[in-house]
């Protein structure tokens, strides 16, 4: 029974590959991300599966004021021409938030130190999937673990993030891409 299930899974995966899949090497994509922060970026496909994706995000929060982030992601898609392409990624970003007050843990009896933090680096790794909606439009979802170079109390808010540690968190990233051939 196990071999039959594996054969059916491979058959289903093979059926998901478009018959006229176009190579993506040298193509450029425009990305829009919606969670955990909004941002615009682009992707350049170095090979059919490997892309470099820089982005810029800007916004305003009633909690911390103006925020901006500038980052880049290196993404490798398995089966870049498939309808559903799983991928792995590594990212680095510089984040600026308006002077947000963060309480760093420390001291005895639950006391901490109040720190005003506005700038820092974030480094992450993730796994995700890209769903090809048309030949040019794709939606993507990614689970990412991030490590911050500063206390991240303010980043633990929102439906798409969850705390992992004092300077690390998990995030669900949602977005869409338009591929220019």
N, C-alpha and C. Protein backbone atom coordinates (compact mmCIF):
# COMPACT_ATOMS: atom_id res chain seq x y z
N UNK A 1 0.82 -1.19 0.00
CA UNK A 1 0.00 0.00 0.00
C UNK A 1 0.87 1.25 0.00
N UNK A 2 2.01 1.23 0.68
CA UNK A 2 2.90 2.37 0.75
C UNK A 2 3.48 2.74 -0.61
N UNK A 3 3.83 1.73 -1.42
CA UNK A 3 4.37 2.00 -2.76
C UNK A 3 3.31 2.59 -3.66
N UNK A 4 2.09 2.13 -3.52
CA UNK A 4 1.00 2.63 -4.34
C UNK A 4 0.74 4.11 -4.01
N UNK A 5 0.76 4.44 -2.73
CA UNK A 5 0.55 5.84 -2.32
C UNK A 5 1.68 6.73 -2.83
N UNK A 6 2.93 6.24 -2.76
CA UNK A 6 4.07 7.01 -3.25
C UNK A 6 3.96 7.22 -4.76
N UNK A 7 3.55 6.18 -5.49
CA UNK A 7 3.41 6.30 -6.94
C UNK A 7 2.31 7.30 -7.29
N UNK A 8 1.21 7.29 -6.56
CA UNK A 8 0.13 8.25 -6.80
C UNK A 8 0.58 9.67 -6.49
N UNK A 9 1.37 9.84 -5.43
CA UNK A 9 1.88 11.17 -5.07
C UNK A 9 2.79 11.70 -6.17
N UNK A 10 3.68 10.86 -6.69
CA UNK A 10 4.57 11.28 -7.78
C UNK A 10 3.79 11.61 -9.04
N UNK A 11 2.75 10.82 -9.32
CA UNK A 11 1.91 11.08 -10.48
C UNK A 11 1.19 12.43 -10.34
N UNK A 12 0.66 12.70 -9.15
CA UNK A 12 -0.02 13.98 -8.91
C UNK A 12 0.95 15.15 -9.02
N UNK A 13 2.16 14.98 -8.50
CA UNK A 13 3.17 16.04 -8.59
C UNK A 13 3.55 16.29 -10.04
N UNK A 14 3.70 15.23 -10.81
CA UNK A 14 4.02 15.37 -12.22
C UNK A 14 2.92 16.05 -13.00
N UNK A 15 1.66 15.80 -12.63
CA UNK A 15 0.52 16.43 -13.30
C UNK A 15 0.44 17.92 -13.00
N UNK A 16 1.05 18.35 -11.90
CA UNK A 16 0.99 19.77 -11.55
C UNK A 16 1.99 20.60 -12.35
N UNK A 17 2.87 19.97 -13.11
CA UNK A 17 3.86 20.69 -13.92
C UNK A 17 3.19 21.15 -15.22
N UNK A 18 3.15 22.45 -15.50
CA UNK A 18 2.54 22.92 -16.73
C UNK A 18 3.28 22.38 -17.95
N UNK A 19 2.53 22.04 -18.98
CA UNK A 19 3.13 21.46 -20.17
C UNK A 19 4.03 22.45 -20.90
N UNK A 20 3.72 23.73 -20.84
CA UNK A 20 4.50 24.74 -21.54
C UNK A 20 5.22 25.67 -20.57
N UNK A 21 5.77 25.12 -19.50
CA UNK A 21 6.47 25.94 -18.50
C UNK A 21 7.63 26.68 -19.16
N UNK A 22 7.70 27.97 -18.93
CA UNK A 22 8.75 28.78 -19.49
C UNK A 22 9.90 28.88 -18.50
N UNK A 23 11.14 28.86 -18.99
CA UNK A 23 12.26 29.04 -18.07
C UNK A 23 12.23 30.44 -17.47
N UNK A 24 12.70 30.56 -16.23
CA UNK A 24 12.69 31.86 -15.56
C UNK A 24 14.07 32.50 -15.50
N UNK A 25 15.12 31.81 -15.89
CA UNK A 25 16.47 32.36 -15.83
C UNK A 25 16.54 33.70 -16.55
N UNK A 26 17.06 34.73 -15.84
CA UNK A 26 17.18 36.06 -16.40
C UNK A 26 15.91 36.90 -16.29
N UNK A 27 14.82 36.32 -15.79
CA UNK A 27 13.56 37.05 -15.65
C UNK A 27 13.56 37.91 -14.39
N UNK A 28 12.70 38.90 -14.38
CA UNK A 28 12.52 39.80 -13.25
C UNK A 28 11.09 39.69 -12.77
N UNK A 29 10.89 39.67 -11.46
CA UNK A 29 9.55 39.62 -10.88
C UNK A 29 9.35 40.84 -9.98
N UNK A 30 8.13 41.33 -9.91
CA UNK A 30 7.74 42.39 -8.99
C UNK A 30 6.99 41.72 -7.84
N UNK A 31 7.42 41.94 -6.60
CA UNK A 31 6.83 41.31 -5.43
C UNK A 31 6.11 42.34 -4.57
N UNK A 32 4.96 41.96 -4.04
CA UNK A 32 4.24 42.76 -3.04
C UNK A 32 4.00 41.86 -1.85
N UNK A 33 4.46 42.27 -0.65
CA UNK A 33 4.30 41.48 0.57
C UNK A 33 3.30 42.17 1.48
N UNK A 34 2.47 41.36 2.17
CA UNK A 34 1.40 41.91 2.99
C UNK A 34 1.57 41.63 4.47
N UNK A 35 2.36 40.67 4.84
CA UNK A 35 2.51 40.32 6.26
C UNK A 35 3.92 39.82 6.49
N UNK A 36 4.56 40.01 7.60
CA UNK A 36 4.08 40.75 8.76
C UNK A 36 4.13 42.25 8.55
N UNK A 37 4.91 42.74 7.59
CA UNK A 37 4.88 44.16 7.23
C UNK A 37 4.67 44.24 5.73
N UNK A 38 4.16 45.35 5.26
CA UNK A 38 3.96 45.51 3.82
C UNK A 38 5.25 46.00 3.18
N UNK A 39 5.45 45.62 1.93
CA UNK A 39 6.65 46.05 1.22
C UNK A 39 6.58 45.71 -0.25
N UNK A 40 7.39 46.38 -1.04
CA UNK A 40 7.53 46.11 -2.46
C UNK A 40 8.97 45.73 -2.74
N UNK A 41 9.13 44.82 -3.67
CA UNK A 41 10.47 44.42 -4.05
C UNK A 41 10.48 43.83 -5.44
N UNK A 42 11.61 43.34 -5.82
CA UNK A 42 11.69 42.65 -7.10
C UNK A 42 12.59 41.44 -6.94
N UNK A 43 12.44 40.52 -7.85
CA UNK A 43 13.27 39.33 -7.84
C UNK A 43 13.98 39.20 -9.17
N UNK A 44 15.22 38.80 -9.12
CA UNK A 44 15.97 38.50 -10.34
C UNK A 44 16.36 37.04 -10.30
N UNK A 45 15.94 36.28 -11.31
CA UNK A 45 16.22 34.85 -11.37
C UNK A 45 17.61 34.62 -11.97
N UNK A 46 18.54 34.23 -11.11
CA UNK A 46 19.91 33.94 -11.53
C UNK A 46 19.93 32.65 -12.34
N UNK A 47 19.19 31.65 -11.88
CA UNK A 47 18.95 30.41 -12.61
C UNK A 47 17.44 30.18 -12.60
N UNK A 48 16.98 29.06 -13.13
CA UNK A 48 15.54 28.78 -13.13
C UNK A 48 14.98 28.64 -11.72
N UNK A 49 15.77 28.29 -10.74
CA UNK A 49 15.26 28.12 -9.39
C UNK A 49 15.82 29.09 -8.36
N UNK A 50 16.95 29.72 -8.64
CA UNK A 50 17.62 30.59 -7.68
C UNK A 50 17.35 32.06 -8.02
N UNK A 51 16.83 32.81 -7.02
CA UNK A 51 16.56 34.23 -7.26
C UNK A 51 17.05 35.07 -6.10
N UNK A 52 17.41 36.30 -6.41
CA UNK A 52 17.80 37.32 -5.43
C UNK A 52 16.65 38.31 -5.39
N UNK A 53 16.11 38.61 -4.18
CA UNK A 53 14.90 39.41 -4.04
C UNK A 53 15.06 40.54 -3.03
N UNK A 54 15.55 41.70 -3.44
CA UNK A 54 15.61 42.86 -2.53
C UNK A 54 14.22 43.50 -2.40
N UNK A 55 13.96 44.16 -1.24
CA UNK A 55 12.68 44.83 -1.03
C UNK A 55 12.83 46.05 -0.14
N UNK A 56 11.79 46.90 -0.17
CA UNK A 56 11.70 48.09 0.66
C UNK A 56 10.29 48.15 1.23
N UNK A 57 10.19 48.38 2.52
CA UNK A 57 8.89 48.54 3.17
C UNK A 57 8.85 49.85 3.92
N UNK A 58 7.73 50.56 3.83
CA UNK A 58 7.55 51.83 4.53
C UNK A 58 6.16 51.83 5.16
N UNK A 59 6.00 52.52 6.28
CA UNK A 59 4.69 52.60 6.89
C UNK A 59 4.69 53.44 8.15
N UNK A 60 3.51 53.47 8.78
CA UNK A 60 3.35 54.21 10.02
C UNK A 60 2.54 53.36 10.98
N UNK A 61 2.96 53.35 12.24
CA UNK A 61 2.28 52.61 13.29
C UNK A 61 1.97 53.56 14.43
N UNK A 62 0.76 53.46 14.98
CA UNK A 62 0.41 54.27 16.14
C UNK A 62 1.24 53.89 17.35
N UNK A 63 1.81 52.68 17.34
CA UNK A 63 2.61 52.20 18.45
C UNK A 63 4.02 52.79 18.45
N UNK A 64 4.66 52.81 17.27
CA UNK A 64 6.06 53.25 17.23
C UNK A 64 6.35 54.33 16.20
N UNK A 65 5.34 54.86 15.51
CA UNK A 65 5.58 55.91 14.54
C UNK A 65 5.99 55.37 13.18
N UNK A 66 6.78 56.16 12.46
CA UNK A 66 7.25 55.80 11.12
C UNK A 66 8.17 54.59 11.20
N UNK A 67 8.02 53.66 10.26
CA UNK A 67 8.93 52.53 10.18
C UNK A 67 9.36 52.32 8.72
N UNK A 68 10.52 51.75 8.56
CA UNK A 68 11.04 51.41 7.24
C UNK A 68 11.91 50.18 7.37
N UNK A 69 11.94 49.37 6.32
CA UNK A 69 12.88 48.27 6.30
C UNK A 69 13.39 48.08 4.88
N UNK A 70 14.61 47.66 4.81
CA UNK A 70 15.30 47.42 3.55
C UNK A 70 15.96 46.06 3.69
N UNK A 71 15.64 45.15 2.79
CA UNK A 71 16.17 43.81 2.95
C UNK A 71 16.41 43.12 1.63
N UNK A 72 16.94 41.92 1.72
CA UNK A 72 17.16 41.07 0.55
C UNK A 72 17.01 39.62 0.96
N UNK A 73 16.52 38.84 0.03
CA UNK A 73 16.32 37.42 0.25
C UNK A 73 16.96 36.65 -0.89
N UNK A 74 17.59 35.54 -0.55
CA UNK A 74 18.08 34.59 -1.53
C UNK A 74 17.13 33.40 -1.45
N UNK A 75 16.47 33.07 -2.55
CA UNK A 75 15.44 32.02 -2.55
C UNK A 75 15.79 30.95 -3.57
N UNK A 76 15.64 29.68 -3.16
CA UNK A 76 15.82 28.57 -4.10
C UNK A 76 14.52 27.79 -4.18
N UNK A 77 13.93 27.77 -5.37
CA UNK A 77 12.68 27.04 -5.61
C UNK A 77 12.98 25.67 -6.21
N UNK A 78 12.35 24.67 -5.63
CA UNK A 78 12.43 23.32 -6.19
C UNK A 78 11.30 23.22 -7.21
N UNK A 79 11.62 22.94 -8.47
CA UNK A 79 10.59 22.86 -9.50
C UNK A 79 10.01 24.21 -9.84
N UNK A 80 10.85 25.15 -10.24
CA UNK A 80 10.41 26.53 -10.49
C UNK A 80 9.32 26.61 -11.56
N UNK A 81 9.21 25.64 -12.43
CA UNK A 81 8.18 25.65 -13.47
C UNK A 81 6.89 24.96 -13.05
N UNK A 82 6.84 24.40 -11.87
CA UNK A 82 5.65 23.70 -11.41
C UNK A 82 4.55 24.67 -11.01
N UNK A 83 3.33 24.18 -10.93
CA UNK A 83 2.21 25.00 -10.47
C UNK A 83 2.42 25.39 -9.01
N UNK A 84 2.85 24.45 -8.18
CA UNK A 84 3.21 24.73 -6.79
C UNK A 84 4.69 24.42 -6.64
N UNK A 85 5.48 25.44 -6.29
CA UNK A 85 6.93 25.28 -6.15
C UNK A 85 7.33 25.52 -4.70
N UNK A 86 7.77 24.47 -3.99
CA UNK A 86 8.30 24.70 -2.64
C UNK A 86 9.66 25.39 -2.73
N UNK A 87 10.02 26.15 -1.69
CA UNK A 87 11.31 26.82 -1.70
C UNK A 87 11.88 26.98 -0.30
N UNK A 88 13.18 27.26 -0.27
CA UNK A 88 13.89 27.61 0.97
C UNK A 88 14.49 29.00 0.74
N UNK A 89 14.69 29.73 1.85
CA UNK A 89 15.19 31.09 1.69
C UNK A 89 16.09 31.49 2.86
N UNK A 90 16.91 32.48 2.61
CA UNK A 90 17.72 33.14 3.63
C UNK A 90 17.56 34.63 3.40
N UNK A 91 17.41 35.40 4.49
CA UNK A 91 17.17 36.83 4.32
C UNK A 91 17.95 37.64 5.34
N UNK A 92 18.20 38.89 4.98
CA UNK A 92 18.83 39.87 5.87
C UNK A 92 18.11 41.18 5.61
N UNK A 93 17.89 41.93 6.70
CA UNK A 93 17.22 43.21 6.52
C UNK A 93 17.66 44.20 7.59
N UNK A 94 17.59 45.48 7.22
CA UNK A 94 17.81 46.56 8.15
C UNK A 94 16.44 47.15 8.45
N UNK A 95 16.10 47.29 9.71
CA UNK A 95 14.80 47.82 10.11
C UNK A 95 14.97 49.08 10.93
N UNK A 96 14.12 50.06 10.66
CA UNK A 96 14.08 51.29 11.44
C UNK A 96 12.65 51.48 11.91
N UNK A 97 12.47 51.66 13.21
CA UNK A 97 11.16 52.00 13.76
C UNK A 97 11.34 53.28 14.55
N UNK A 98 10.27 54.04 14.67
CA UNK A 98 10.32 55.23 15.50
C UNK A 98 10.67 54.82 16.92
N UNK A 99 11.26 55.63 17.66
CA UNK A 99 11.75 55.30 19.00
C UNK A 99 10.72 54.53 19.84
N UNK A 100 10.76 53.24 19.75
CA UNK A 100 9.85 52.38 20.50
C UNK A 100 10.49 52.01 21.82
N UNK A 101 9.74 52.13 22.89
CA UNK A 101 10.24 51.75 24.21
C UNK A 101 10.09 50.24 24.36
N UNK A 102 11.18 49.58 24.66
CA UNK A 102 11.20 48.13 24.83
C UNK A 102 11.79 47.83 26.19
N UNK A 103 11.19 46.90 26.91
CA UNK A 103 11.74 46.50 28.21
C UNK A 103 12.57 45.25 27.99
N UNK A 104 13.89 45.38 28.19
CA UNK A 104 14.78 44.23 28.08
C UNK A 104 14.70 43.43 29.37
N UNK A 105 14.59 42.10 29.28
CA UNK A 105 14.56 41.30 30.50
C UNK A 105 15.89 41.41 31.25
N UNK A 106 15.84 41.21 32.54
CA UNK A 106 17.05 41.26 33.34
C UNK A 106 16.73 41.68 34.75
N UNK A 107 17.69 41.62 35.56
CA UNK A 107 17.48 42.01 36.96
C UNK A 107 16.67 40.97 37.70
N UNK A 108 16.47 41.17 38.96
CA UNK A 108 15.73 40.21 39.78
C UNK A 108 14.28 40.63 39.95
N UNK A 109 13.44 39.68 40.31
CA UNK A 109 12.05 39.95 40.61
C UNK A 109 11.24 40.46 39.43
N UNK A 110 11.57 40.02 38.19
CA UNK A 110 10.81 40.42 37.03
C UNK A 110 11.10 41.82 36.55
N UNK A 111 12.10 42.49 37.13
CA UNK A 111 12.45 43.85 36.70
C UNK A 111 13.23 43.80 35.41
N UNK A 112 13.11 44.81 34.61
CA UNK A 112 13.85 44.89 33.37
C UNK A 112 14.40 46.29 33.19
N UNK A 113 15.08 46.49 32.09
CA UNK A 113 15.67 47.79 31.77
C UNK A 113 14.90 48.36 30.59
N UNK A 114 14.44 49.60 30.70
CA UNK A 114 13.74 50.26 29.61
C UNK A 114 14.76 50.74 28.59
N UNK A 115 14.58 50.33 27.34
CA UNK A 115 15.51 50.67 26.27
C UNK A 115 14.71 51.33 25.15
N UNK A 116 15.23 52.40 24.58
CA UNK A 116 14.62 53.00 23.41
C UNK A 116 15.39 52.51 22.20
N UNK A 117 14.69 51.80 21.35
CA UNK A 117 15.36 51.15 20.22
C UNK A 117 14.66 51.55 18.93
N UNK A 118 15.41 51.91 17.93
CA UNK A 118 14.80 52.27 16.66
C UNK A 118 15.44 51.65 15.44
N UNK A 119 16.64 51.10 15.55
CA UNK A 119 17.33 50.58 14.37
C UNK A 119 17.98 49.23 14.70
N UNK A 120 18.10 48.39 13.67
CA UNK A 120 18.79 47.13 13.88
C UNK A 120 18.68 46.21 12.69
N UNK A 121 19.37 45.09 12.79
CA UNK A 121 19.38 44.10 11.73
C UNK A 121 18.53 42.90 12.08
N UNK A 122 17.99 42.27 11.07
CA UNK A 122 17.22 41.03 11.21
C UNK A 122 17.80 40.02 10.22
N UNK A 123 18.02 38.81 10.69
CA UNK A 123 18.54 37.75 9.84
C UNK A 123 17.59 36.57 9.96
N UNK A 124 17.28 35.92 8.83
CA UNK A 124 16.30 34.85 8.90
C UNK A 124 16.50 33.76 7.88
N UNK A 125 15.75 32.68 8.10
CA UNK A 125 15.69 31.55 7.18
C UNK A 125 14.25 31.08 7.14
N UNK A 126 13.83 30.58 5.99
CA UNK A 126 12.44 30.17 5.89
C UNK A 126 12.22 29.08 4.86
N UNK A 127 11.01 28.56 4.89
CA UNK A 127 10.52 27.61 3.89
C UNK A 127 9.16 28.10 3.44
N UNK A 128 8.85 27.91 2.18
CA UNK A 128 7.58 28.39 1.67
C UNK A 128 7.17 27.67 0.41
N UNK A 129 6.11 28.18 -0.19
CA UNK A 129 5.60 27.64 -1.45
C UNK A 129 5.06 28.78 -2.29
N UNK A 130 5.31 28.67 -3.59
CA UNK A 130 4.79 29.63 -4.55
C UNK A 130 3.74 28.92 -5.38
N UNK A 131 2.54 29.51 -5.48
CA UNK A 131 1.44 28.95 -6.28
C UNK A 131 1.28 29.80 -7.53
N UNK A 132 1.50 29.17 -8.67
CA UNK A 132 1.36 29.88 -9.95
C UNK A 132 -0.13 29.97 -10.27
N UNK A 133 -0.68 31.19 -10.28
CA UNK A 133 -2.08 31.43 -10.58
C UNK A 133 -2.28 31.51 -12.09
N UNK A 134 -1.43 32.26 -12.76
CA UNK A 134 -1.37 32.31 -14.23
C UNK A 134 0.10 32.15 -14.58
N UNK A 135 0.44 32.27 -15.85
CA UNK A 135 1.84 32.14 -16.26
C UNK A 135 2.69 33.28 -15.71
N UNK A 136 2.06 34.43 -15.39
CA UNK A 136 2.79 35.60 -14.91
C UNK A 136 2.56 35.92 -13.44
N UNK A 137 1.43 35.53 -12.87
CA UNK A 137 1.05 35.89 -11.51
C UNK A 137 1.16 34.69 -10.57
N UNK A 138 1.79 34.91 -9.42
CA UNK A 138 1.94 33.87 -8.41
C UNK A 138 1.61 34.44 -7.04
N UNK A 139 1.13 33.59 -6.16
CA UNK A 139 0.94 33.93 -4.75
C UNK A 139 1.96 33.11 -3.96
N UNK A 140 2.45 33.65 -2.84
CA UNK A 140 3.39 32.86 -2.04
C UNK A 140 3.08 32.99 -0.57
N UNK A 141 3.45 31.96 0.16
CA UNK A 141 3.33 31.93 1.62
C UNK A 141 4.63 31.32 2.14
N UNK A 142 5.16 31.91 3.20
CA UNK A 142 6.43 31.45 3.75
C UNK A 142 6.40 31.50 5.27
N UNK A 143 6.95 30.49 5.89
CA UNK A 143 7.19 30.51 7.32
C UNK A 143 8.65 30.86 7.53
N UNK A 144 8.92 31.86 8.35
CA UNK A 144 10.29 32.35 8.49
C UNK A 144 10.64 32.50 9.97
N UNK A 145 11.85 32.11 10.33
CA UNK A 145 12.39 32.38 11.66
C UNK A 145 13.38 33.52 11.53
N UNK A 146 13.26 34.53 12.40
CA UNK A 146 14.10 35.72 12.33
C UNK A 146 14.85 35.89 13.65
N UNK A 147 16.07 36.40 13.54
CA UNK A 147 16.86 36.79 14.71
C UNK A 147 17.15 38.27 14.58
N UNK A 148 16.88 39.04 15.64
CA UNK A 148 17.10 40.49 15.62
C UNK A 148 18.33 40.85 16.44
N UNK A 149 19.01 41.90 16.02
CA UNK A 149 20.19 42.38 16.75
C UNK A 149 19.81 43.33 17.88
N UNK A 150 18.52 43.48 18.14
CA UNK A 150 18.01 44.37 19.19
C UNK A 150 16.77 43.72 19.81
N UNK A 151 16.34 44.18 20.97
CA UNK A 151 15.13 43.62 21.58
C UNK A 151 13.92 43.82 20.67
N UNK A 152 13.09 42.82 20.54
CA UNK A 152 12.04 42.87 19.53
C UNK A 152 10.63 42.85 20.10
N UNK A 153 10.43 43.42 21.26
CA UNK A 153 9.10 43.43 21.85
C UNK A 153 8.04 43.95 20.91
N UNK A 154 8.36 45.01 20.15
CA UNK A 154 7.36 45.60 19.27
C UNK A 154 7.06 44.73 18.05
N UNK A 155 7.95 43.82 17.69
CA UNK A 155 7.73 42.99 16.52
C UNK A 155 6.88 41.77 16.83
N UNK A 156 6.59 41.51 18.06
CA UNK A 156 5.82 40.34 18.43
C UNK A 156 4.32 40.58 18.33
N UNK A 157 3.93 41.69 17.80
CA UNK A 157 2.51 42.02 17.69
C UNK A 157 2.00 41.63 16.31
N UNK A 158 0.71 41.36 16.24
CA UNK A 158 0.10 41.05 14.95
C UNK A 158 -0.20 39.58 14.78
N UNK A 159 -1.11 39.30 13.88
CA UNK A 159 -1.56 37.93 13.67
C UNK A 159 -0.52 37.05 12.99
N UNK A 160 0.44 37.63 12.29
CA UNK A 160 1.36 36.82 11.51
C UNK A 160 2.72 36.59 12.17
N UNK A 161 2.90 37.02 13.43
CA UNK A 161 4.17 36.80 14.12
C UNK A 161 3.93 36.15 15.47
N UNK A 162 4.95 35.43 15.93
CA UNK A 162 4.89 34.81 17.25
C UNK A 162 6.28 34.79 17.85
N UNK A 163 6.34 34.94 19.16
CA UNK A 163 7.62 35.00 19.87
C UNK A 163 8.27 33.62 19.92
N UNK A 164 9.59 33.59 19.73
CA UNK A 164 10.38 32.38 19.89
C UNK A 164 11.35 32.56 21.05
N UNK A 165 11.93 33.74 21.16
CA UNK A 165 12.87 34.08 22.22
C UNK A 165 12.93 35.59 22.38
N UNK A 166 13.88 36.04 23.22
CA UNK A 166 14.02 37.47 23.47
C UNK A 166 14.33 38.26 22.20
N UNK A 167 15.14 37.71 21.32
CA UNK A 167 15.53 38.42 20.10
C UNK A 167 15.19 37.63 18.84
N UNK A 168 14.31 36.67 18.96
CA UNK A 168 13.93 35.88 17.79
C UNK A 168 12.41 35.71 17.75
N UNK A 169 11.91 35.57 16.55
CA UNK A 169 10.47 35.38 16.36
C UNK A 169 10.22 34.62 15.07
N UNK A 170 9.03 34.10 14.96
CA UNK A 170 8.58 33.44 13.75
C UNK A 170 7.57 34.33 13.05
N UNK A 171 7.48 34.21 11.74
CA UNK A 171 6.53 35.02 10.98
C UNK A 171 5.99 34.22 9.81
N UNK A 172 4.74 34.50 9.48
CA UNK A 172 4.13 33.97 8.27
C UNK A 172 4.10 35.13 7.28
N UNK A 173 4.76 34.96 6.15
CA UNK A 173 4.88 36.01 5.14
C UNK A 173 3.94 35.66 3.98
N UNK A 174 3.10 36.60 3.58
CA UNK A 174 2.18 36.43 2.47
C UNK A 174 2.49 37.45 1.39
N UNK A 175 2.31 37.07 0.12
CA UNK A 175 2.55 38.02 -0.93
C UNK A 175 2.12 37.52 -2.30
N UNK A 176 2.29 38.40 -3.29
CA UNK A 176 2.03 38.06 -4.68
C UNK A 176 3.21 38.54 -5.52
N UNK A 177 3.41 37.89 -6.66
CA UNK A 177 4.49 38.24 -7.58
C UNK A 177 3.96 38.31 -9.00
N UNK A 178 4.51 39.23 -9.77
CA UNK A 178 4.26 39.31 -11.19
C UNK A 178 5.58 39.09 -11.92
N UNK A 179 5.64 38.10 -12.78
CA UNK A 179 6.87 37.73 -13.48
C UNK A 179 6.90 38.35 -14.87
N UNK A 180 7.94 39.12 -15.14
CA UNK A 180 8.17 39.69 -16.47
C UNK A 180 9.07 38.72 -17.22
N UNK A 181 8.60 38.20 -18.35
CA UNK A 181 9.39 37.22 -19.12
C UNK A 181 10.29 37.92 -20.10
